[in-house]
Amino acid sequence: MAQVQGLGKRYLKAFFKGFFVAVPVTVTFLDRVACVARVEGASMQPSLNPGGRQASDVVLLNHWSIRNYDVQRGDIVSLV
């Protein structure tokens, strides 16, 4: 029984160790490099949401290019 409790504590400790490493890395990645966003509505038709359907499209927003001022003609820019 003591072995099972020790095993559970070890897994719990490893979980929290991984959690406290993964969360800051993920937040930093989503803030600095790229994130996923949903595009809804008719404002971007016909490029996104073609055909007037009510479904939304999912896009990857590249934060890295914006930080380096690497925006070119024809790029879609999202403002918050």
PDB file of N, CA and C in Angstrom:
ATOM      1  N   MET A   1       0.822  -1.196   0.000  1.00  0.00           N
ATOM      2  CA  MET A   1       0.000   0.000   0.000  1.00  0.00           C
ATOM      3  C   MET A   1       0.864   1.258   0.000  1.00  0.00           C
ATOM      4  N   ALA A   2       1.971   1.202   0.734  1.00  0.00           N
ATOM      5  CA  ALA A   2       2.860   2.367   0.788  1.00  0.00           C
ATOM      6  C   ALA A   2       3.505   2.613  -0.566  1.00  0.00           C
ATOM      7  N   GLN A   3       3.756   1.525  -1.308  1.00  0.00           N
ATOM      8  CA  GLN A   3       4.335   1.665  -2.638  1.00  0.00           C
ATOM      9  C   GLN A   3       3.381   2.385  -3.584  1.00  0.00           C
ATOM     10  N   VAL A   4       2.095   2.082  -3.464  1.00  0.00           N
ATOM     11  CA  VAL A   4       1.093   2.714  -4.319  1.00  0.00           C
ATOM     12  C   VAL A   4       1.002   4.204  -4.005  1.00  0.00           C
ATOM     13  N   GLN A   5       1.054   4.576  -2.738  1.00  0.00           N
ATOM     14  CA  GLN A   5       1.001   5.992  -2.359  1.00  0.00           C
ATOM     15  C   GLN A   5       2.243   6.724  -2.862  1.00  0.00           C
ATOM     16  N   GLY A   6       3.411   6.093  -2.747  1.00  0.00           N
ATOM     17  CA  GLY A   6       4.641   6.694  -3.254  1.00  0.00           C
ATOM     18  C   GLY A   6       4.619   6.864  -4.762  1.00  0.00           C
ATOM     19  N   LEU A   7       4.036   5.894  -5.455  1.00  0.00           N
ATOM     20  CA  LEU A   7       3.916   5.958  -6.907  1.00  0.00           C
ATOM     21  C   LEU A   7       2.979   7.089  -7.318  1.00  0.00           C
ATOM     22  N   GLY A   8       1.864   7.236  -6.605  1.00  0.00           N
ATOM     23  CA  GLY A   8       0.915   8.313  -6.889  1.00  0.00           C
ATOM     24  C   GLY A   8       1.527   9.681  -6.653  1.00  0.00           C
ATOM     25  N   LYS A   9       2.297   9.821  -5.584  1.00  0.00           N
ATOM     26  CA  LYS A   9       2.961  11.096  -5.294  1.00  0.00           C
ATOM     27  C   LYS A   9       3.983  11.429  -6.367  1.00  0.00           C
ATOM     28  N   ARG A  10       4.687  10.400  -6.856  1.00  0.00           N
ATOM     29  CA  ARG A  10       5.697  10.618  -7.889  1.00  0.00           C
ATOM     30  C   ARG A  10       5.052  11.086  -9.195  1.00  0.00           C
ATOM     31  N   TYR A  11       3.932  10.448  -9.579  1.00  0.00           N
ATOM     32  CA  TYR A  11       3.224  10.860 -10.795  1.00  0.00           C
ATOM     33  C   TYR A  11       2.636  12.262 -10.653  1.00  0.00           C
ATOM     34  N   LEU A  12       2.109  12.568  -9.480  1.00  0.00           N
ATOM     35  CA  LEU A  12       1.560  13.895  -9.232  1.00  0.00           C
ATOM     36  C   LEU A  12       2.648  14.960  -9.294  1.00  0.00           C
ATOM     37  N   LYS A  13       3.798  14.656  -8.721  1.00  0.00           N
ATOM     38  CA  LYS A  13       4.918  15.592  -8.758  1.00  0.00           C
ATOM     39  C   LYS A  13       5.405  15.811 -10.189  1.00  0.00           C
ATOM     40  N   ALA A  14       5.489  14.744 -10.965  1.00  0.00           N
ATOM     41  CA  ALA A  14       5.918  14.857 -12.359  1.00  0.00           C
ATOM     42  C   ALA A  14       4.895  15.636 -13.180  1.00  0.00           C
ATOM     43  N   PHE A  15       3.608  15.436 -12.898  1.00  0.00           N
ATOM     44  CA  PHE A  15       2.564  16.176 -13.605  1.00  0.00           C
ATOM     45  C   PHE A  15       2.689  17.672 -13.345  1.00  0.00           C
ATOM     46  N   PHE A  16       2.821  18.058 -12.098  1.00  0.00           N
ATOM     47  CA  PHE A  16       2.916  19.476 -11.770  1.00  0.00           C
ATOM     48  C   PHE A  16       4.204  20.093 -12.297  1.00  0.00           C
ATOM     49  N   LYS A  17       5.281  19.330 -12.292  1.00  0.00           N
ATOM     50  CA  LYS A  17       6.535  19.826 -12.850  1.00  0.00           C
ATOM     51  C   LYS A  17       6.383  20.101 -14.339  1.00  0.00           C
ATOM     52  N   GLY A  18       5.772  19.187 -15.054  1.00  0.00           N
ATOM     53  CA  GLY A  18       5.527  19.374 -16.476  1.00  0.00           C
ATOM     54  C   GLY A  18       4.536  20.488 -16.751  1.00  0.00           C
ATOM     55  N   PHE A  19       3.525  20.607 -15.895  1.00  0.00           N
ATOM     56  CA  PHE A  19       2.514  21.641 -16.043  1.00  0.00           C
ATOM     57  C   PHE A  19       3.123  23.026 -15.901  1.00  0.00           C
ATOM     58  N   PHE A  20       3.974  23.210 -14.903  1.00  0.00           N
ATOM     59  CA  PHE A  20       4.570  24.518 -14.661  1.00  0.00           C
ATOM     60  C   PHE A  20       5.658  24.871 -15.669  1.00  0.00           C
ATOM     61  N   VAL A  21       6.069  23.919 -16.482  1.00  0.00           N
ATOM     62  CA  VAL A  21       6.980  24.208 -17.588  1.00  0.00           C
ATOM     63  C   VAL A  21       6.178  24.439 -18.861  1.00  0.00           C
ATOM     64  N   ALA A  22       5.160  23.622 -19.113  1.00  0.00           N
ATOM     65  CA  ALA A  22       4.408  23.689 -20.365  1.00  0.00           C
ATOM     66  C   ALA A  22       3.554  24.945 -20.473  1.00  0.00           C
ATOM     67  N   VAL A  23       2.940  25.381 -19.397  1.00  0.00           N
ATOM     68  CA  VAL A  23       2.047  26.547 -19.455  1.00  0.00           C
ATOM     69  C   VAL A  23       2.802  27.818 -19.832  1.00  0.00           C
ATOM     70  N   PRO A  24       3.906  28.179 -19.182  1.00  0.00           N
ATOM     71  CA  PRO A  24       4.613  29.395 -19.611  1.00  0.00           C
ATOM     72  C   PRO A  24       5.158  29.309 -21.038  1.00  0.00           C
ATOM     73  N   VAL A  25       5.624  28.141 -21.439  1.00  0.00           N
ATOM     74  CA  VAL A  25       6.134  27.979 -22.800  1.00  0.00           C
ATOM     75  C   VAL A  25       4.997  28.172 -23.805  1.00  0.00           C
ATOM     76  N   THR A  26       3.844  27.603 -23.545  1.00  0.00           N
ATOM     77  CA  THR A  26       2.696  27.738 -24.439  1.00  0.00           C
ATOM     78  C   THR A  26       2.203  29.176 -24.509  1.00  0.00           C
ATOM     79  N   VAL A  27       2.094  29.829 -23.376  1.00  0.00           N
ATOM     80  CA  VAL A  27       1.633  31.223 -23.353  1.00  0.00           C
ATOM     81  C   VAL A  27       2.611  32.121 -24.105  1.00  0.00           C
ATOM     82  N   THR A  28       3.894  31.910 -23.904  1.00  0.00           N
ATOM     83  CA  THR A  28       4.897  32.704 -24.615  1.00  0.00           C
ATOM     84  C   THR A  28       4.814  32.465 -26.118  1.00  0.00           C
ATOM     85  N   PHE A  29       4.651  31.213 -26.529  1.00  0.00           N
ATOM     86  CA  PHE A  29       4.527  30.902 -27.952  1.00  0.00           C
ATOM     87  C   PHE A  29       3.304  31.588 -28.554  1.00  0.00           C
ATOM     88  N   LEU A  30       2.155  31.491 -27.884  1.00  0.00           N
ATOM     89  CA  LEU A  30       0.934  32.090 -28.412  1.00  0.00           C
ATOM     90  C   LEU A  30       1.007  33.611 -28.434  1.00  0.00           C
ATOM     91  N   ASP A  31       1.770  34.203 -27.540  1.00  0.00           N
ATOM     92  CA  ASP A  31       1.884  35.659 -27.491  1.00  0.00           C
ATOM     93  C   ASP A  31       2.914  36.196 -28.480  1.00  0.00           C
ATOM     94  N   ARG A  32       4.011  35.490 -28.666  1.00  0.00           N
ATOM     95  CA  ARG A  32       5.119  36.002 -29.465  1.00  0.00           C
ATOM     96  C   ARG A  32       5.225  35.451 -30.882  1.00  0.00           C
ATOM     97  N   VAL A  33       4.821  34.211 -31.111  1.00  0.00           N
ATOM     98  CA  VAL A  33       5.064  33.563 -32.398  1.00  0.00           C
ATOM     99  C   VAL A  33       3.787  33.463 -33.236  1.00  0.00           C
ATOM    100  N   ALA A  34       2.789  32.745 -32.775  1.00  0.00           N
ATOM    101  CA  ALA A  34       1.574  32.539 -33.563  1.00  0.00           C
ATOM    102  C   ALA A  34       0.435  32.087 -32.662  1.00  0.00           C
ATOM    103  N   CYS A  35      -0.785  32.320 -33.122  1.00  0.00           N
ATOM    104  CA  CYS A  35      -1.953  31.816 -32.411  1.00  0.00           C
ATOM    105  C   CYS A  35      -3.043  31.489 -33.431  1.00  0.00           C
ATOM    106  N   VAL A  36      -4.041  30.781 -32.990  1.00  0.00           N
ATOM    107  CA  VAL A  36      -5.142  30.372 -33.840  1.00  0.00           C
ATOM    108  C   VAL A  36      -6.337  31.264 -33.523  1.00  0.00           C
ATOM    109  N   ALA A  37      -7.033  31.736 -34.571  1.00  0.00           N
ATOM    110  CA  ALA A  37      -8.203  32.592 -34.388  1.00  0.00           C
ATOM    111  C   ALA A  37      -9.331  32.128 -35.298  1.00  0.00           C
ATOM    112  N   ARG A  38     -10.530  32.456 -34.916  1.00  0.00           N
ATOM    113  CA  ARG A  38     -11.714  32.110 -35.690  1.00  0.00           C
ATOM    114  C   ARG A  38     -12.225  33.363 -36.397  1.00  0.00           C
ATOM    115  N   VAL A  39     -12.537  33.226 -37.683  1.00  0.00           N
ATOM    116  CA  VAL A  39     -13.069  34.333 -38.478  1.00  0.00           C
ATOM    117  C   VAL A  39     -14.540  34.050 -38.730  1.00  0.00           C
ATOM    118  N   GLU A  40     -15.393  34.960 -38.270  1.00  0.00           N
ATOM    119  CA  GLU A  40     -16.836  34.811 -38.450  1.00  0.00           C
ATOM    120  C   GLU A  40     -17.392  36.056 -39.120  1.00  0.00           C
ATOM    121  N   GLY A  41     -18.475  35.902 -39.806  1.00  0.00           N
ATOM    122  CA  GLY A  41     -19.150  37.041 -40.401  1.00  0.00           C
ATOM    123  C   GLY A  41     -18.781  37.263 -41.847  1.00  0.00           C
ATOM    124  N   ALA A  42     -19.400  38.285 -42.426  1.00  0.00           N
ATOM    125  CA  ALA A  42     -19.269  38.550 -43.857  1.00  0.00           C
ATOM    126  C   ALA A  42     -18.171  39.547 -44.183  1.00  0.00           C
ATOM    127  N   SER A  43     -17.447  40.031 -43.203  1.00  0.00           N
ATOM    128  CA  SER A  43     -16.469  41.080 -43.462  1.00  0.00           C
ATOM    129  C   SER A  43     -15.307  40.616 -44.336  1.00  0.00           C
ATOM    130  N   MET A  44     -14.976  39.348 -44.330  1.00  0.00           N
ATOM    131  CA  MET A  44     -13.834  38.846 -45.101  1.00  0.00           C
ATOM    132  C   MET A  44     -14.259  38.035 -46.324  1.00  0.00           C
ATOM    133  N   GLN A  45     -15.518  38.048 -46.686  1.00  0.00           N
ATOM    134  CA  GLN A  45     -15.960  37.303 -47.864  1.00  0.00           C
ATOM    135  C   GLN A  45     -15.492  38.008 -49.121  1.00  0.00           C
ATOM    136  N   PRO A  46     -15.116  37.362 -50.144  1.00  0.00           N
ATOM    137  CA  PRO A  46     -15.157  35.936 -50.428  1.00  0.00           C
ATOM    138  C   PRO A  46     -13.868  35.204 -50.050  1.00  0.00           C
ATOM    139  N   SER A  47     -12.854  35.922 -49.528  1.00  0.00           N
ATOM    140  CA  SER A  47     -11.591  35.246 -49.177  1.00  0.00           C
ATOM    141  C   SER A  47     -11.791  34.217 -48.078  1.00  0.00           C
ATOM    142  N   LEU A  48     -12.475  34.600 -47.028  1.00  0.00           N
ATOM    143  CA  LEU A  48     -12.781  33.695 -45.927  1.00  0.00           C
ATOM    144  C   LEU A  48     -14.296  33.602 -45.794  1.00  0.00           C
ATOM    145  N   ASN A  49     -14.792  32.480 -45.366  1.00  0.00           N
ATOM    146  CA  ASN A  49     -16.231  32.193 -45.286  1.00  0.00           C
ATOM    147  C   ASN A  49     -16.901  32.352 -46.648  1.00  0.00           C
ATOM    148  N   PRO A  50     -16.425  31.666 -47.687  1.00  0.00           N
ATOM    149  CA  PRO A  50     -17.011  31.839 -49.023  1.00  0.00           C
ATOM    150  C   PRO A  50     -18.428  31.284 -49.093  1.00  0.00           C
ATOM    151  N   GLY A  51     -19.188  31.835 -49.982  1.00  0.00           N
ATOM    152  CA  GLY A  51     -20.536  31.327 -50.229  1.00  0.00           C
ATOM    153  C   GLY A  51     -21.562  31.793 -49.225  1.00  0.00           C
ATOM    154  N   GLY A  52     -21.215  32.667 -48.320  1.00  0.00           N
ATOM    155  CA  GLY A  52     -22.174  33.183 -47.365  1.00  0.00           C
ATOM    156  C   GLY A  52     -22.629  32.172 -46.332  1.00  0.00           C
ATOM    157  N   ARG A  53     -21.901  31.107 -46.184  1.00  0.00           N
ATOM    158  CA  ARG A  53     -22.312  30.105 -45.197  1.00  0.00           C
ATOM    159  C   ARG A  53     -22.092  30.641 -43.781  1.00  0.00           C
ATOM    160  N   GLN A  54     -22.785  30.082 -42.846  1.00  0.00           N
ATOM    161  CA  GLN A  54     -22.732  30.567 -41.473  1.00  0.00           C
ATOM    162  C   GLN A  54     -21.571  29.975 -40.672  1.00  0.00           C
ATOM    163  N   ALA A  55     -20.865  29.009 -41.223  1.00  0.00           N
ATOM    164  CA  ALA A  55     -19.730  28.406 -40.526  1.00  0.00           C
ATOM    165  C   ALA A  55     -18.578  29.391 -40.466  1.00  0.00           C
ATOM    166  N   SER A  56     -17.695  29.193 -39.512  1.00  0.00           N
ATOM    167  CA  SER A  56     -16.545  30.084 -39.373  1.00  0.00           C
ATOM    168  C   SER A  56     -15.283  29.380 -39.851  1.00  0.00           C
ATOM    169  N   ASP A  57     -14.321  30.161 -40.310  1.00  0.00           N
ATOM    170  CA  ASP A  57     -13.021  29.634 -40.715  1.00  0.00           C
ATOM    171  C   ASP A  57     -12.024  29.836 -39.587  1.00  0.00           C
ATOM    172  N   VAL A  58     -11.030  28.976 -39.550  1.00  0.00           N
ATOM    173  CA  VAL A  58      -9.972  29.072 -38.548  1.00  0.00           C
ATOM    174  C   VAL A  58      -8.687  29.453 -39.267  1.00  0.00           C
ATOM    175  N   VAL A  59      -7.985  30.458 -38.743  1.00  0.00           N
ATOM    176  CA  VAL A  59      -6.755  30.939 -39.369  1.00  0.00           C
ATOM    177  C   VAL A  59      -5.634  30.958 -38.337  1.00  0.00           C
ATOM    178  N   LEU A  60      -4.414  30.909 -38.830  1.00  0.00           N
ATOM    179  CA  LEU A  60      -3.229  31.019 -37.991  1.00  0.00           C
ATOM    180  C   LEU A  60      -2.707  32.442 -38.116  1.00  0.00           C
ATOM    181  N   LEU A  61      -2.638  33.150 -36.998  1.00  0.00           N
ATOM    182  CA  LEU A  61      -2.133  34.520 -36.984  1.00  0.00           C
ATOM    183  C   LEU A  61      -0.646  34.494 -36.665  1.00  0.00           C
ATOM    184  N   ASN A  62       0.150  35.051 -37.550  1.00  0.00           N
ATOM    185  CA  ASN A  62       1.602  35.045 -37.413  1.00  0.00           C
ATOM    186  C   ASN A  62       2.047  36.343 -36.731  1.00  0.00           C
ATOM    187  N   HIS A  63       2.365  36.263 -35.460  1.00  0.00           N
ATOM    188  CA  HIS A  63       2.817  37.433 -34.706  1.00  0.00           C
ATOM    189  C   HIS A  63       4.269  37.785 -35.041  1.00  0.00           C
ATOM    190  N   TRP A  64       5.023  36.785 -35.449  1.00  0.00           N
ATOM    191  CA  TRP A  64       6.459  36.985 -35.698  1.00  0.00           C
ATOM    192  C   TRP A  64       6.695  37.982 -36.834  1.00  0.00           C
ATOM    193  N   SER A  65       5.925  37.878 -37.917  1.00  0.00           N
ATOM    194  CA  SER A  65       6.091  38.785 -39.052  1.00  0.00           C
ATOM    195  C   SER A  65       5.742  40.218 -38.682  1.00  0.00           C
ATOM    196  N   ILE A  66       4.752  40.385 -37.860  1.00  0.00           N
ATOM    197  CA  ILE A  66       4.345  41.728 -37.444  1.00  0.00           C
ATOM    198  C   ILE A  66       5.435  42.372 -36.591  1.00  0.00           C
ATOM    199  N   ARG A  67       6.042  41.609 -35.724  1.00  0.00           N
ATOM    200  CA  ARG A  67       7.105  42.158 -34.867  1.00  0.00           C
ATOM    201  C   ARG A  67       8.314  42.591 -35.691  1.00  0.00           C
ATOM    202  N   ASN A  68       8.550  41.933 -36.824  1.00  0.00           N
ATOM    203  CA  ASN A  68       9.679  42.270 -37.699  1.00  0.00           C
ATOM    204  C   ASN A  68       9.269  43.196 -38.836  1.00  0.00           C
ATOM    205  N   TYR A  69       8.040  43.708 -38.807  1.00  0.00           N
ATOM    206  CA  TYR A  69       7.514  44.596 -39.850  1.00  0.00           C
ATOM    207  C   TYR A  69       7.634  43.968 -41.239  1.00  0.00           C
ATOM    208  N   ASP A  70       7.330  42.686 -41.325  1.00  0.00           N
ATOM    209  CA  ASP A  70       7.421  41.949 -42.588  1.00  0.00           C
ATOM    210  C   ASP A  70       6.027  41.764 -43.190  1.00  0.00           C
ATOM    211  N   VAL A  71       5.274  42.862 -43.308  1.00  0.00           N
ATOM    212  CA  VAL A  71       3.935  42.826 -43.874  1.00  0.00           C
ATOM    213  C   VAL A  71       4.013  43.271 -45.324  1.00  0.00           C
ATOM    214  N   GLN A  72       3.395  42.502 -46.196  1.00  0.00           N
ATOM    215  CA  GLN A  72       3.448  42.820 -47.626  1.00  0.00           C
ATOM    216  C   GLN A  72       2.048  43.021 -48.167  1.00  0.00           C
ATOM    217  N   ARG A  73       1.974  43.591 -49.339  1.00  0.00           N
ATOM    218  CA  ARG A  73       0.698  43.813 -49.994  1.00  0.00           C
ATOM    219  C   ARG A  73       0.000  42.473 -50.236  1.00  0.00           C
ATOM    220  N   GLY A  74      -1.276  42.423 -49.923  1.00  0.00           N
ATOM    221  CA  GLY A  74      -2.056  41.203 -50.093  1.00  0.00           C
ATOM    222  C   GLY A  74      -2.179  40.391 -48.820  1.00  0.00           C
ATOM    223  N   ASP A  75      -1.424  40.722 -47.767  1.00  0.00           N
ATOM    224  CA  ASP A  75      -1.530  40.020 -46.499  1.00  0.00           C
ATOM    225  C   ASP A  75      -2.811  40.447 -45.785  1.00  0.00           C
ATOM    226  N   ILE A  76      -3.384  39.535 -45.039  1.00  0.00           N
ATOM    227  CA  ILE A  76      -4.544  39.837 -44.215  1.00  0.00           C
ATOM    228  C   ILE A  76      -4.033  40.183 -42.832  1.00  0.00           C
ATOM    229  N   VAL A  77      -4.446  41.341 -42.329  1.00  0.00           N
ATOM    230  CA  VAL A  77      -3.991  41.820 -41.016  1.00  0.00           C
ATOM    231  C   VAL A  77      -5.178  41.808 -40.062  1.00  0.00           C
ATOM    232  N   SER A  78      -4.979  41.278 -38.875  1.00  0.00           N
ATOM    233  CA  SER A  78      -6.017  41.220 -37.869  1.00  0.00           C
ATOM    234  C   SER A  78      -5.710  42.203 -36.755  1.00  0.00           C
ATOM    235  N   LEU A  79      -6.679  43.006 -36.391  1.00  0.00           N
ATOM    236  CA  LEU A  79      -6.522  43.981 -35.312  1.00  0.00           C
ATOM    237  C   LEU A  79      -7.379  43.570 -34.134  1.00  0.00           C
ATOM    238  N   VAL A  80      -6.850  43.767 -32.951  1.00  0.00           N
ATOM    239  CA  VAL A  80      -7.601  43.444 -31.743  1.00  0.00           C
ATOM    240  C   VAL A  80      -8.069  44.728 -31.120  1.00  0.00           C
TER     241      VAL A  80
END
